PDB file of N, CA and C in Angstrom:
ATOM      1  N   MET A   1       0.845  -1.182   0.000  1.00  0.00           N
ATOM      2  CA  MET A   1       0.000   0.000   0.000  1.00  0.00           C
ATOM      3  C   MET A   1       0.884   1.237   0.000  1.00  0.00           C
ATOM      4  N   MET A   2       0.529   2.213  -0.828  1.00  0.00           N
ATOM      5  CA  MET A   2       1.323   3.433  -0.904  1.00  0.00           C
ATOM      6  C   MET A   2       0.958   4.355   0.255  1.00  0.00           C
ATOM      7  N   SER A   3       1.963   4.937   0.840  1.00  0.00           N
ATOM      8  CA  SER A   3       1.722   5.814   1.979  1.00  0.00           C
ATOM      9  C   SER A   3       1.907   7.278   1.628  1.00  0.00           C
ATOM     10  N   GLY A   4       2.222   7.596   0.373  1.00  0.00           N
ATOM     11  CA  GLY A   4       2.375   8.992  -0.019  1.00  0.00           C
ATOM     12  C   GLY A   4       3.802   9.469   0.167  1.00  0.00           C
ATOM     13  N   ARG A   5       3.941  10.754   0.397  1.00  0.00           N
ATOM     14  CA  ARG A   5       5.259  11.366   0.551  1.00  0.00           C
ATOM     15  C   ARG A   5       5.922  10.891   1.833  1.00  0.00           C
ATOM     16  N   PRO A   6       7.273  10.780   1.818  1.00  0.00           N
ATOM     17  CA  PRO A   6       7.949  10.455   3.064  1.00  0.00           C
ATOM     18  C   PRO A   6       7.805  11.604   4.063  1.00  0.00           C
ATOM     19  N   GLY A   7       7.569  11.260   5.311  1.00  0.00           N
ATOM     20  CA  GLY A   7       7.417  12.280   6.347  1.00  0.00           C
ATOM     21  C   GLY A   7       6.028  12.886   6.395  1.00  0.00           C
ATOM     22  N   ARG A   8       5.097  12.329   5.649  1.00  0.00           N
ATOM     23  CA  ARG A   8       3.736  12.858   5.623  1.00  0.00           C
ATOM     24  C   ARG A   8       2.988  12.433   6.872  1.00  0.00           C
ATOM     25  N   VAL A   9       2.305  13.387   7.494  1.00  0.00           N
ATOM     26  CA  VAL A   9       1.496  13.099   8.673  1.00  0.00           C
ATOM     27  C   VAL A   9       0.052  12.973   8.210  1.00  0.00           C
ATOM     28  N   PRO A  10      -0.582  11.805   8.386  1.00  0.00           N
ATOM     29  CA  PRO A  10      -1.956  11.655   7.914  1.00  0.00           C
ATOM     30  C   PRO A  10      -2.929  12.504   8.730  1.00  0.00           C
ATOM     31  N   LEU A  11      -4.003  12.906   8.088  1.00  0.00           N
ATOM     32  CA  LEU A  11      -5.101  13.666   8.689  1.00  0.00           C
ATOM     33  C   LEU A  11      -4.678  15.026   9.236  1.00  0.00           C
ATOM     34  N   LYS A  12      -3.606  15.594   8.716  1.00  0.00           N
ATOM     35  CA  LYS A  12      -3.231  16.946   9.101  1.00  0.00           C
ATOM     36  C   LYS A  12      -3.626  17.852   7.949  1.00  0.00           C
ATOM     37  N   PHE A  13      -4.495  18.824   8.216  1.00  0.00           N
ATOM     38  CA  PHE A  13      -5.066  19.639   7.139  1.00  0.00           C
ATOM     39  C   PHE A  13      -4.021  20.533   6.495  1.00  0.00           C
ATOM     40  N   LEU A  14      -3.248  21.240   7.290  1.00  0.00           N
ATOM     41  CA  LEU A  14      -2.272  22.169   6.756  1.00  0.00           C
ATOM     42  C   LEU A  14      -0.977  22.039   7.544  1.00  0.00           C
ATOM     43  N   PRO A  15       0.039  21.374   6.988  1.00  0.00           N
ATOM     44  CA  PRO A  15       1.289  21.178   7.719  1.00  0.00           C
ATOM     45  C   PRO A  15       2.021  22.489   7.979  1.00  0.00           C
ATOM     46  N   ASP A  16       3.009  22.443   8.848  1.00  0.00           N
ATOM     47  CA  ASP A  16       3.778  23.635   9.195  1.00  0.00           C
ATOM     48  C   ASP A  16       4.579  24.164   8.021  1.00  0.00           C
ATOM     49  N   GLU A  17       4.894  23.301   7.039  1.00  0.00           N
ATOM     50  CA  GLU A  17       5.637  23.746   5.855  1.00  0.00           C
ATOM     51  C   GLU A  17       4.848  24.770   5.058  1.00  0.00           C
ATOM     52  N   ALA A  18       3.534  24.768   5.203  1.00  0.00           N
ATOM     53  CA  ALA A  18       2.692  25.681   4.434  1.00  0.00           C
ATOM     54  C   ALA A  18       2.849  27.123   4.896  1.00  0.00           C
ATOM     55  N   ARG A  19       3.431  27.345   6.065  1.00  0.00           N
ATOM     56  CA  ARG A  19       3.619  28.710   6.561  1.00  0.00           C
ATOM     57  C   ARG A  19       4.627  29.485   5.736  1.00  0.00           C
ATOM     58  N   SER A  20       5.496  28.787   5.019  1.00  0.00           N
ATOM     59  CA  SER A  20       6.498  29.471   4.212  1.00  0.00           C
ATOM     60  C   SER A  20       5.905  30.030   2.919  1.00  0.00           C
ATOM     61  N   LEU A  21       4.725  29.583   2.536  1.00  0.00           N
ATOM     62  CA  LEU A  21       4.076  30.075   1.317  1.00  0.00           C
ATOM     63  C   LEU A  21       3.410  31.418   1.585  1.00  0.00           C
ATOM     64  N   PRO A  22       3.333  32.278   0.570  1.00  0.00           N
ATOM     65  CA  PRO A  22       2.617  33.542   0.766  1.00  0.00           C
ATOM     66  C   PRO A  22       1.120  33.292   0.917  1.00  0.00           C
ATOM     67  N   PRO A  23       0.459  34.083   1.745  1.00  0.00           N
ATOM     68  CA  PRO A  23      -0.985  33.869   1.916  1.00  0.00           C
ATOM     69  C   PRO A  23      -1.752  34.283   0.671  1.00  0.00           C
ATOM     70  N   PRO A  24      -2.923  33.699   0.467  1.00  0.00           N
ATOM     71  CA  PRO A  24      -3.738  34.106  -0.684  1.00  0.00           C
ATOM     72  C   PRO A  24      -4.225  35.544  -0.510  1.00  0.00           C
ATOM     73  N   ARG A  25      -4.445  36.215  -1.634  1.00  0.00           N
ATOM     74  CA  ARG A  25      -4.989  37.574  -1.575  1.00  0.00           C
ATOM     75  C   ARG A  25      -6.412  37.523  -1.041  1.00  0.00           C
ATOM     76  N   LEU A  26      -6.801  38.528  -0.283  1.00  0.00           N
ATOM     77  CA  LEU A  26      -8.151  38.544   0.273  1.00  0.00           C
ATOM     78  C   LEU A  26      -9.195  38.892  -0.782  1.00  0.00           C
ATOM     79  N   SER A  27      -8.748  39.422  -1.920  1.00  0.00           N
ATOM     80  CA  SER A  27      -9.689  39.738  -2.997  1.00  0.00           C
ATOM     81  C   SER A  27      -9.649  38.690  -4.103  1.00  0.00           C
ATOM     82  N   ASP A  28      -9.152  37.511  -3.800  1.00  0.00           N
ATOM     83  CA  ASP A  28      -9.092  36.424  -4.778  1.00  0.00           C
ATOM     84  C   ASP A  28     -10.506  36.045  -5.195  1.00  0.00           C
ATOM     85  N   SER A  29     -10.697  35.811  -6.478  1.00  0.00           N
ATOM     86  CA  SER A  29     -12.045  35.518  -6.979  1.00  0.00           C
ATOM     87  C   SER A  29     -12.606  34.234  -6.382  1.00  0.00           C
ATOM     88  N   ARG A  30     -11.741  33.271  -6.070  1.00  0.00           N
ATOM     89  CA  ARG A  30     -12.235  32.024  -5.480  1.00  0.00           C
ATOM     90  C   ARG A  30     -12.756  32.257  -4.067  1.00  0.00           C
ATOM     91  N   LEU A  31     -12.124  33.183  -3.325  1.00  0.00           N
ATOM     92  CA  LEU A  31     -12.615  33.509  -1.982  1.00  0.00           C
ATOM     93  C   LEU A  31     -13.937  34.266  -2.064  1.00  0.00           C
ATOM     94  N   LEU A  32     -14.023  35.182  -3.014  1.00  0.00           N
ATOM     95  CA  LEU A  32     -15.275  35.916  -3.177  1.00  0.00           C
ATOM     96  C   LEU A  32     -16.401  34.968  -3.588  1.00  0.00           C
ATOM     97  N   TYR A  33     -16.073  33.969  -4.383  1.00  0.00           N
ATOM     98  CA  TYR A  33     -17.066  32.972  -4.775  1.00  0.00           C
ATOM     99  C   TYR A  33     -17.524  32.175  -3.550  1.00  0.00           C
ATOM    100  N   CYS A  34     -16.600  31.825  -2.667  1.00  0.00           N
ATOM    101  CA  CYS A  34     -16.989  31.110  -1.441  1.00  0.00           C
ATOM    102  C   CYS A  34     -17.907  31.975  -0.585  1.00  0.00           C
ATOM    103  N   GLY A  35     -17.604  33.281  -0.490  1.00  0.00           N
ATOM    104  CA  GLY A  35     -18.486  34.185   0.247  1.00  0.00           C
ATOM    105  C   GLY A  35     -19.866  34.264  -0.381  1.00  0.00           C
ATOM    106  N   PHE A  36     -19.915  34.285  -1.724  1.00  0.00           N
ATOM    107  CA  PHE A  36     -21.202  34.298  -2.417  1.00  0.00           C
ATOM    108  C   PHE A  36     -21.970  33.007  -2.148  1.00  0.00           C
ATOM    109  N   LEU A  37     -21.260  31.876  -2.100  1.00  0.00           N
ATOM    110  CA  LEU A  37     -21.937  30.616  -1.765  1.00  0.00           C
ATOM    111  C   LEU A  37     -22.516  30.670  -0.351  1.00  0.00           C
ATOM    112  N   GLY A  38     -21.811  31.332   0.565  1.00  0.00           N
ATOM    113  CA  GLY A  38     -22.338  31.505   1.915  1.00  0.00           C
ATOM    114  C   GLY A  38     -23.608  32.334   1.910  1.00  0.00           C
ATOM    115  N   TYR A  39     -23.621  33.393   1.095  1.00  0.00           N
ATOM    116  CA  TYR A  39     -24.823  34.223   0.981  1.00  0.00           C
ATOM    117  C   TYR A  39     -25.979  33.389   0.423  1.00  0.00           C
ATOM    118  N   CYS A  40     -25.697  32.575  -0.596  1.00  0.00           N
ATOM    119  CA  CYS A  40     -26.736  31.704  -1.164  1.00  0.00           C
ATOM    120  C   CYS A  40     -27.205  30.673  -0.143  1.00  0.00           C
ATOM    121  N   ALA A  41     -26.298  30.201   0.704  1.00  0.00           N
ATOM    122  CA  ALA A  41     -26.698  29.251   1.745  1.00  0.00           C
ATOM    123  C   ALA A  41     -27.645  29.922   2.736  1.00  0.00           C
ATOM    124  N   GLY A  42     -27.391  31.197   3.056  1.00  0.00           N
ATOM    125  CA  GLY A  42     -28.302  31.931   3.936  1.00  0.00           C
ATOM    126  C   GLY A  42     -29.668  32.116   3.302  1.00  0.00           C
ATOM    127  N   LEU A  43     -29.684  32.427   2.012  1.00  0.00           N
ATOM    128  CA  LEU A  43     -30.965  32.558   1.313  1.00  0.00           C
ATOM    129  C   LEU A  43     -31.712  31.231   1.272  1.00  0.00           C
ATOM    130  N   LEU A  44     -30.985  30.142   1.032  1.00  0.00           N
ATOM    131  CA  LEU A  44     -31.609  28.822   1.001  1.00  0.00           C
ATOM    132  C   LEU A  44     -32.151  28.439   2.371  1.00  0.00           C
ATOM    133  N   ASP A  45     -31.415  28.796   3.420  1.00  0.00           N
ATOM    134  CA  ASP A  45     -31.879  28.519   4.778  1.00  0.00           C
ATOM    135  C   ASP A  45     -33.180  29.257   5.054  1.00  0.00           C
ATOM    136  N   ASN A  46     -33.237  30.521   4.638  1.00  0.00           N
ATOM    137  CA  ASN A  46     -34.481  31.281   4.821  1.00  0.00           C
ATOM    138  C   ASN A  46     -35.624  30.680   4.006  1.00  0.00           C
ATOM    139  N   ALA A  47     -35.321  30.274   2.776  1.00  0.00           N
ATOM    140  CA  ALA A  47     -36.375  29.732   1.920  1.00  0.00           C
ATOM    141  C   ALA A  47     -36.905  28.404   2.458  1.00  0.00           C
ATOM    142  N   LEU A  48     -36.013  27.567   2.977  1.00  0.00           N
ATOM    143  CA  LEU A  48     -36.459  26.263   3.498  1.00  0.00           C
ATOM    144  C   LEU A  48     -37.275  26.407   4.772  1.00  0.00           C
ATOM    145  N   LYS A  49     -37.016  27.449   5.531  1.00  0.00           N
ATOM    146  CA  LYS A  49     -37.782  27.674   6.768  1.00  0.00           C
ATOM    147  C   LYS A  49     -38.957  28.610   6.538  1.00  0.00           C
ATOM    148  N   GLN A  50     -39.271  28.882   5.263  1.00  0.00           N
ATOM    149  CA  GLN A  50     -40.413  29.677   4.829  1.00  0.00           C
ATOM    150  C   GLN A  50     -40.423  31.070   5.453  1.00  0.00           C
ATOM    151  N   ARG A  51     -39.269  31.714   5.397  1.00  0.00           N
ATOM    152  CA  ARG A  51     -39.143  33.109   5.804  1.00  0.00           C
ATOM    153  C   ARG A  51     -38.880  33.932   4.551  1.00  0.00           C
ATOM    154  N   PRO A  52     -39.067  35.249   4.607  1.00  0.00           N
ATOM    155  CA  PRO A  52     -38.715  36.069   3.439  1.00  0.00           C
ATOM    156  C   PRO A  52     -37.229  35.891   3.125  1.00  0.00           C
ATOM    157  N   ALA A  53     -36.924  35.464   1.909  1.00  0.00           N
ATOM    158  CA  ALA A  53     -35.568  35.024   1.579  1.00  0.00           C
ATOM    159  C   ALA A  53     -34.536  36.130   1.696  1.00  0.00           C
ATOM    160  N   LEU A  54     -34.841  37.321   1.192  1.00  0.00           N
ATOM    161  CA  LEU A  54     -33.825  38.380   1.156  1.00  0.00           C
ATOM    162  C   LEU A  54     -33.778  39.215   2.422  1.00  0.00           C
ATOM    163  N   LEU A  55     -34.868  39.348   3.139  1.00  0.00           N
ATOM    164  CA  LEU A  55     -34.923  40.308   4.231  1.00  0.00           C
ATOM    165  C   LEU A  55     -34.784  39.698   5.624  1.00  0.00           C
ATOM    166  N   ALA A  56     -35.153  38.454   5.797  1.00  0.00           N
ATOM    167  CA  ALA A  56     -35.146  37.870   7.143  1.00  0.00           C
ATOM    168  C   ALA A  56     -33.749  37.388   7.515  1.00  0.00           C
ATOM    169  N   GLY A  57     -33.337  37.688   8.709  1.00  0.00           N
ATOM    170  CA  GLY A  57     -32.080  37.158   9.245  1.00  0.00           C
ATOM    171  C   GLY A  57     -30.840  37.668   8.535  1.00  0.00           C
ATOM    172  N   LEU A  58     -30.721  38.987   8.378  1.00  0.00           N
ATOM    173  CA  LEU A  58     -29.537  39.526   7.717  1.00  0.00           C
ATOM    174  C   LEU A  58     -28.266  39.205   8.501  1.00  0.00           C
ATOM    175  N   HIS A  59     -28.405  39.143   9.828  1.00  0.00           N
ATOM    176  CA  HIS A  59     -27.243  38.792  10.652  1.00  0.00           C
ATOM    177  C   HIS A  59     -26.808  37.343  10.374  1.00  0.00           C
ATOM    178  N   ARG A  60     -27.779  36.472  10.117  1.00  0.00           N
ATOM    179  CA  ARG A  60     -27.474  35.074   9.806  1.00  0.00           C
ATOM    180  C   ARG A  60     -26.806  34.965   8.435  1.00  0.00           C
ATOM    181  N   GLN A  61     -27.275  35.754   7.480  1.00  0.00           N
ATOM    182  CA  GLN A  61     -26.659  35.753   6.155  1.00  0.00           C
ATOM    183  C   GLN A  61     -25.217  36.252   6.234  1.00  0.00           C
ATOM    184  N   LEU A  62     -24.976  37.283   7.032  1.00  0.00           N
ATOM    185  CA  LEU A  62     -23.619  37.787   7.216  1.00  0.00           C
ATOM    186  C   LEU A  62     -22.735  36.735   7.887  1.00  0.00           C
ATOM    187  N   LEU A  63     -23.309  35.985   8.820  1.00  0.00           N
ATOM    188  CA  LEU A  63     -22.550  34.909   9.471  1.00  0.00           C
ATOM    189  C   LEU A  63     -22.188  33.821   8.463  1.00  0.00           C
ATOM    190  N   TYR A  64     -23.122  33.454   7.600  1.00  0.00           N
ATOM    191  CA  TYR A  64     -22.827  32.454   6.563  1.00  0.00           C
ATOM    192  C   TYR A  64     -21.737  32.945   5.618  1.00  0.00           C
ATOM    193  N   VAL A  65     -21.832  34.205   5.192  1.00  0.00           N
ATOM    194  CA  VAL A  65     -20.819  34.759   4.286  1.00  0.00           C
ATOM    195  C   VAL A  65     -19.451  34.713   4.944  1.00  0.00           C
ATOM    196  N   THR A  66     -19.369  35.125   6.195  1.00  0.00           N
ATOM    197  CA  THR A  66     -18.091  35.140   6.914  1.00  0.00           C
ATOM    198  C   THR A  66     -17.545  33.730   7.098  1.00  0.00           C
ATOM    199  N   ALA A  67     -18.414  32.801   7.481  1.00  0.00           N
ATOM    200  CA  ALA A  67     -17.960  31.428   7.707  1.00  0.00           C
ATOM    201  C   ALA A  67     -17.478  30.776   6.413  1.00  0.00           C
ATOM    202  N   PHE A  68     -18.206  30.956   5.328  1.00  0.00           N
ATOM    203  CA  PHE A  68     -17.796  30.361   4.057  1.00  0.00           C
ATOM    204  C   PHE A  68     -16.517  31.008   3.538  1.00  0.00           C
ATOM    205  N   TYR A  69     -16.387  32.328   3.715  1.00  0.00           N
ATOM    206  CA  TYR A  69     -15.181  33.027   3.285  1.00  0.00           C
ATOM    207  C   TYR A  69     -13.973  32.515   4.068  1.00  0.00           C
ATOM    208  N   PHE A  70     -14.139  32.347   5.376  1.00  0.00           N
ATOM    209  CA  PHE A  70     -13.073  31.858   6.242  1.00  0.00           C
ATOM    210  C   PHE A  70     -12.682  30.430   5.870  1.00  0.00           C
ATOM    211  N   ALA A  71     -13.671  29.576   5.653  1.00  0.00           N
ATOM    212  CA  ALA A  71     -13.383  28.195   5.251  1.00  0.00           C
ATOM    213  C   ALA A  71     -12.724  28.162   3.878  1.00  0.00           C
ATOM    214  N   GLY A  72     -13.192  29.007   2.964  1.00  0.00           N
ATOM    215  CA  GLY A  72     -12.596  29.072   1.632  1.00  0.00           C
ATOM    216  C   GLY A  72     -11.154  29.531   1.676  1.00  0.00           C
ATOM    217  N   TYR A  73     -10.819  30.416   2.618  1.00  0.00           N
ATOM    218  CA  TYR A  73      -9.445  30.889   2.759  1.00  0.00           C
ATOM    219  C   TYR A  73      -8.515  29.719   3.083  1.00  0.00           C
ATOM    220  N   PHE A  74      -8.917  28.880   4.022  1.00  0.00           N
ATOM    221  CA  PHE A  74      -8.063  27.754   4.394  1.00  0.00           C
ATOM    222  C   PHE A  74      -8.057  26.663   3.335  1.00  0.00           C
ATOM    223  N   LEU A  75      -9.175  26.464   2.644  1.00  0.00           N
ATOM    224  CA  LEU A  75      -9.176  25.508   1.535  1.00  0.00           C
ATOM    225  C   LEU A  75      -8.268  25.983   0.407  1.00  0.00           C
ATOM    226  N   LEU A  76      -8.279  27.268   0.132  1.00  0.00           N
ATOM    227  CA  LEU A  76      -7.411  27.824  -0.902  1.00  0.00           C
ATOM    228  C   LEU A  76      -5.944  27.727  -0.491  1.00  0.00           C
ATOM    229  N   LYS A  77      -5.686  27.972   0.794  1.00  0.00           N
ATOM    230  CA  LYS A  77      -4.315  27.854   1.288  1.00  0.00           C
ATOM    231  C   LYS A  77      -3.823  26.410   1.169  1.00  0.00           C
ATOM    232  N   ARG A  78      -4.684  25.452   1.452  1.00  0.00           N
ATOM    233  CA  ARG A  78      -4.316  24.038   1.305  1.00  0.00           C
ATOM    234  C   ARG A  78      -4.080  23.684  -0.159  1.00  0.00           C
ATOM    235  N   GLN A  79      -4.920  24.200  -1.044  1.00  0.00           N
ATOM    236  CA  GLN A  79      -4.735  23.924  -2.466  1.00  0.00           C
ATOM    237  C   GLN A  79      -3.403  24.492  -2.960  1.00  0.00           C
ATOM    238  N   GLU A  80      -3.059  25.708  -2.536  1.00  0.00           N
ATOM    239  CA  GLU A  80      -1.786  26.303  -2.929  1.00  0.00           C
ATOM    240  C   GLU A  80      -0.615  25.467  -2.405  1.00  0.00           C
ATOM    241  N   TYR A  81      -0.746  24.937  -1.190  1.00  0.00           N
ATOM    242  CA  TYR A  81       0.309  24.100  -0.612  1.00  0.00           C
ATOM    243  C   TYR A  81       0.466  22.800  -1.401  1.00  0.00           C
ATOM    244  N   ILE A  82      -0.643  22.175  -1.743  1.00  0.00           N
ATOM    245  CA  ILE A  82      -0.581  20.911  -2.484  1.00  0.00           C
ATOM    246  C   ILE A  82       0.016  21.146  -3.868  1.00  0.00           C
ATOM    247  N   CYS A  83      -0.348  22.246  -4.512  1.00  0.00           N
ATOM    248  CA  CYS A  83       0.238  22.563  -5.829  1.00  0.00           C
ATOM    249  C   CYS A  83       1.730  22.847  -5.705  1.00  0.00           C
ATOM    250  N   ALA A  84       2.144  23.513  -4.627  1.00  0.00           N
ATOM    251  CA  ALA A  84       3.566  23.787  -4.431  1.00  0.00           C
ATOM    252  C   ALA A  84       4.342  22.492  -4.202  1.00  0.00           C
ATOM    253  N   ILE A  85       3.771  21.559  -3.447  1.00  0.00           N
ATOM    254  CA  ILE A  85       4.408  20.253  -3.223  1.00  0.00           C
ATOM    255  C   ILE A  85       4.544  19.503  -4.545  1.00  0.00           C
ATOM    256  N   ARG A  86       3.479  19.512  -5.347  1.00  0.00           N
ATOM    257  CA  ARG A  86       3.494  18.817  -6.630  1.00  0.00           C
ATOM    258  C   ARG A  86       4.548  19.431  -7.561  1.00  0.00           C
ATOM    259  N   ASP A  87       4.615  20.761  -7.596  1.00  0.00           N
ATOM    260  CA  ASP A  87       5.618  21.423  -8.436  1.00  0.00           C
ATOM    261  C   ASP A  87       7.029  21.097  -7.970  1.00  0.00           C
ATOM    262  N   HIS A  88       7.222  21.076  -6.659  1.00  0.00           N
ATOM    263  CA  HIS A  88       8.544  20.760  -6.104  1.00  0.00           C
ATOM    264  C   HIS A  88       8.963  19.347  -6.476  1.00  0.00           C
ATOM    265  N   ASP A  89       8.047  18.394  -6.345  1.00  0.00           N
ATOM    266  CA  ASP A  89       8.360  17.002  -6.685  1.00  0.00           C
ATOM    267  C   ASP A  89       8.633  16.836  -8.178  1.00  0.00           C
ATOM    268  N   MET A  90       7.855  17.540  -8.997  1.00  0.00           N
ATOM    269  CA  MET A  90       8.033  17.430 -10.439  1.00  0.00           C
ATOM    270  C   MET A  90       9.386  18.014 -10.859  1.00  0.00           C
ATOM    271  N   LEU A  91       9.751  19.172 -10.316  1.00  0.00           N
ATOM    272  CA  LEU A  91      11.034  19.775 -10.664  1.00  0.00           C
ATOM    273  C   LEU A  91      12.203  18.939 -10.146  1.00  0.00           C
ATOM    274  N   ALA A  92      12.036  18.317  -8.965  1.00  0.00           N
ATOM    275  CA  ALA A  92      13.081  17.440  -8.441  1.00  0.00           C
ATOM    276  C   ALA A  92      13.260  16.224  -9.342  1.00  0.00           C
ATOM    277  N   TYR A  93      12.170  15.686  -9.868  1.00  0.00           N
ATOM    278  CA  TYR A  93      12.256  14.547 -10.778  1.00  0.00           C
ATOM    279  C   TYR A  93      12.941  14.954 -12.079  1.00  0.00           C
ATOM    280  N   ILE A  94      12.603  16.138 -12.584  1.00  0.00           N
ATOM    281  CA  ILE A  94      13.233  16.605 -13.824  1.00  0.00           C
ATOM    282  C   ILE A  94      14.734  16.801 -13.627  1.00  0.00           C
ATOM    283  N   LYS A  95      15.127  17.328 -12.486  1.00  0.00           N
ATOM    284  CA  LYS A  95      16.561  17.514 -12.211  1.00  0.00           C
ATOM    285  C   LYS A  95      17.269  16.185 -12.006  1.00  0.00           C
ATOM    286  N   ALA A  96      16.577  15.196 -11.445  1.00  0.00           N
ATOM    287  CA  ALA A  96      17.194  13.893 -11.187  1.00  0.00           C
ATOM    288  C   ALA A  96      17.302  13.049 -12.458  1.00  0.00           C
ATOM    289  N   HIS A  97      16.472  13.305 -13.460  1.00  0.00           N
ATOM    290  CA  HIS A  97      16.461  12.527 -14.700  1.00  0.00           C
ATOM    291  C   HIS A  97      16.574  13.459 -15.906  1.00  0.00           C
ATOM    292  N   PRO A  98      17.716  14.104 -16.105  1.00  0.00           N
ATOM    293  CA  PRO A  98      17.830  15.044 -17.231  1.00  0.00           C
ATOM    294  C   PRO A  98      17.815  14.348 -18.593  1.00  0.00           C
ATOM    295  N   GLU A  99      18.138  13.062 -18.647  1.00  0.00           N
ATOM    296  CA  GLU A  99      18.141  12.368 -19.940  1.00  0.00           C
ATOM    297  C   GLU A  99      16.732  12.221 -20.505  1.00  0.00           C
ATOM    298  N   ASP A 100      15.722  12.204 -19.646  1.00  0.00           N
ATOM    299  CA  ASP A 100      14.345  12.101 -20.115  1.00  0.00           C
ATOM    300  C   ASP A 100      13.794  13.434 -20.613  1.00  0.00           C
ATOM    301  N   PHE A 101      14.445  14.532 -20.237  1.00  0.00           N
ATOM    302  CA  PHE A 101      13.945  15.860 -20.574  1.00  0.00           C
ATOM    303  C   PHE A 101      15.046  16.662 -21.265  1.00  0.00           C
ATOM    304  N   SER A 102      15.491  16.178 -22.407  1.00  0.00           N
ATOM    305  CA  SER A 102      16.566  16.850 -23.120  1.00  0.00           C
ATOM    306  C   SER A 102      16.030  18.090 -23.832  1.00  0.00           C
ATOM    307  N   GLU A 103      16.921  19.060 -24.018  1.00  0.00           N
ATOM    308  CA  GLU A 103      16.567  20.295 -24.722  1.00  0.00           C
ATOM    309  C   GLU A 103      16.449  20.008 -26.212  1.00  0.00           C
ATOM    310  N   LYS A 104      15.408  20.522 -26.850  1.00  0.00           N
ATOM    311  CA  LYS A 104      15.235  20.346 -28.275  1.00  0.00           C
ATOM    312  C   LYS A 104      15.907  21.501 -29.002  1.00  0.00           C
ATOM    313  N   ASP A 105      16.217  21.259 -30.278  1.00  0.00           N
ATOM    314  CA  ASP A 105      16.818  22.316 -31.082  1.00  0.00           C
ATOM    315  C   ASP A 105      15.831  23.459 -31.240  1.00  0.00           C
ATOM    316  N   LYS A 106      16.339  24.665 -31.079  1.00  0.00           N
ATOM    317  CA  LYS A 106      15.477  25.829 -31.245  1.00  0.00           C
ATOM    318  C   LYS A 106      15.447  26.201 -32.717  1.00  0.00           C
ATOM    319  N   LYS A 107      14.247  26.329 -33.256  1.00  0.00           N
ATOM    320  CA  LYS A 107      14.066  26.674 -34.656  1.00  0.00           C
ATOM    321  C   LYS A 107      13.401  28.041 -34.746  1.00  0.00           C
ATOM    322  N   THR A 108      13.691  28.730 -35.819  1.00  0.00           N
ATOM    323  CA  THR A 108      13.022  29.994 -36.063  1.00  0.00           C
ATOM    324  C   THR A 108      11.740  29.735 -36.842  1.00  0.00           C
ATOM    325  N   TYR A 109      10.875  30.742 -36.889  1.00  0.00           N
ATOM    326  CA  TYR A 109       9.629  30.588 -37.638  1.00  0.00           C
ATOM    327  C   TYR A 109       9.896  30.370 -39.125  1.00  0.00           C
ATOM    328  N   GLY A 110      10.967  30.968 -39.633  1.00  0.00           N
ATOM    329  CA  GLY A 110      11.302  30.787 -41.045  1.00  0.00           C
ATOM    330  C   GLY A 110      11.630  29.349 -41.387  1.00  0.00           C
ATOM    331  N   GLU A 111      12.192  28.598 -40.446  1.00  0.00           N
ATOM    332  CA  GLU A 111      12.509  27.190 -40.683  1.00  0.00           C
ATOM    333  C   GLU A 111      11.260  26.307 -40.572  1.00  0.00           C
ATOM    334  N   ILE A 112      10.297  26.736 -39.783  1.00  0.00           N
ATOM    335  CA  ILE A 112       9.103  25.920 -39.559  1.00  0.00           C
ATOM    336  C   ILE A 112       8.077  26.136 -40.672  1.00  0.00           C
ATOM    337  N   PHE A 113       7.790  27.400 -41.018  1.00  0.00           N
ATOM    338  CA  PHE A 113       6.764  27.708 -42.008  1.00  0.00           C
ATOM    339  C   PHE A 113       7.366  27.775 -43.406  1.00  0.00           C
ATOM    340  N   GLU A 114       6.509  27.540 -44.382  1.00  0.00           N
ATOM    341  CA  GLU A 114       6.925  27.670 -45.767  1.00  0.00           C
ATOM    342  C   GLU A 114       7.008  29.146 -46.129  1.00  0.00           C
ATOM    343  N   GLN A 115       7.714  29.419 -47.200  1.00  0.00           N
ATOM    344  CA  GLN A 115       7.852  30.795 -47.644  1.00  0.00           C
ATOM    345  C   GLN A 115       6.506  31.294 -48.158  1.00  0.00           C
ATOM    346  N   PHE A 116       6.157  32.528 -47.824  1.00  0.00           N
ATOM    347  CA  PHE A 116       4.868  33.099 -48.200  1.00  0.00           C
ATOM    348  C   PHE A 116       4.902  33.588 -49.642  1.00  0.00           C
ATOM    349  N   ARG A 117       3.931  33.096 -50.396  1.00  0.00           N
ATOM    350  CA  ARG A 117       3.778  33.553 -51.780  1.00  0.00           C
ATOM    351  C   ARG A 117       2.306  33.908 -51.969  1.00  0.00           C
ATOM    352  N   PRO A 118       2.003  35.170 -52.181  1.00  0.00           N
ATOM    353  CA  PRO A 118       0.590  35.546 -52.340  1.00  0.00           C
ATOM    354  C   PRO A 118       0.003  34.972 -53.624  1.00  0.00           C
ATOM    355  N   VAL A 119      -1.224  34.508 -53.570  1.00  0.00           N
ATOM    356  CA  VAL A 119      -1.916  33.943 -54.719  1.00  0.00           C
ATOM    357  C   VAL A 119      -2.843  35.013 -55.275  1.00  0.00           C
ATOM    358  N   ARG A 120      -2.661  35.283 -56.601  1.00  0.00           N
ATOM    359  CA  ARG A 120      -3.519  36.317 -57.228  1.00  0.00           C
ATOM    360  C   ARG A 120      -4.270  35.758 -58.376  1.00  0.00           C
TER     361      ARG A 120
END
């Protein structure tokens, strides 16, 4: 059975190595989308409990937006960490096996395309 990366601690959401990464921007579109999903969850909660969807429980809708935004921040931070780990492993593999990733000859566009002759 594969256990993943060496030194991996199972069931740890965000390891300490993730602190070295820059934090996500607070105006990231994915975070704003998570906040919008929280707003929609508040509207759905009002609709399921047969209250006026837009006007009832504005404090509850704000709580949903904040909670979803906060959860989205940590999910985004985890995604950035996992992508950084994957990039690190891929670059380490490329450096360890340079024969598999040889440089190709650089060609100019003139060598690739045929000479242009206008048709009249």
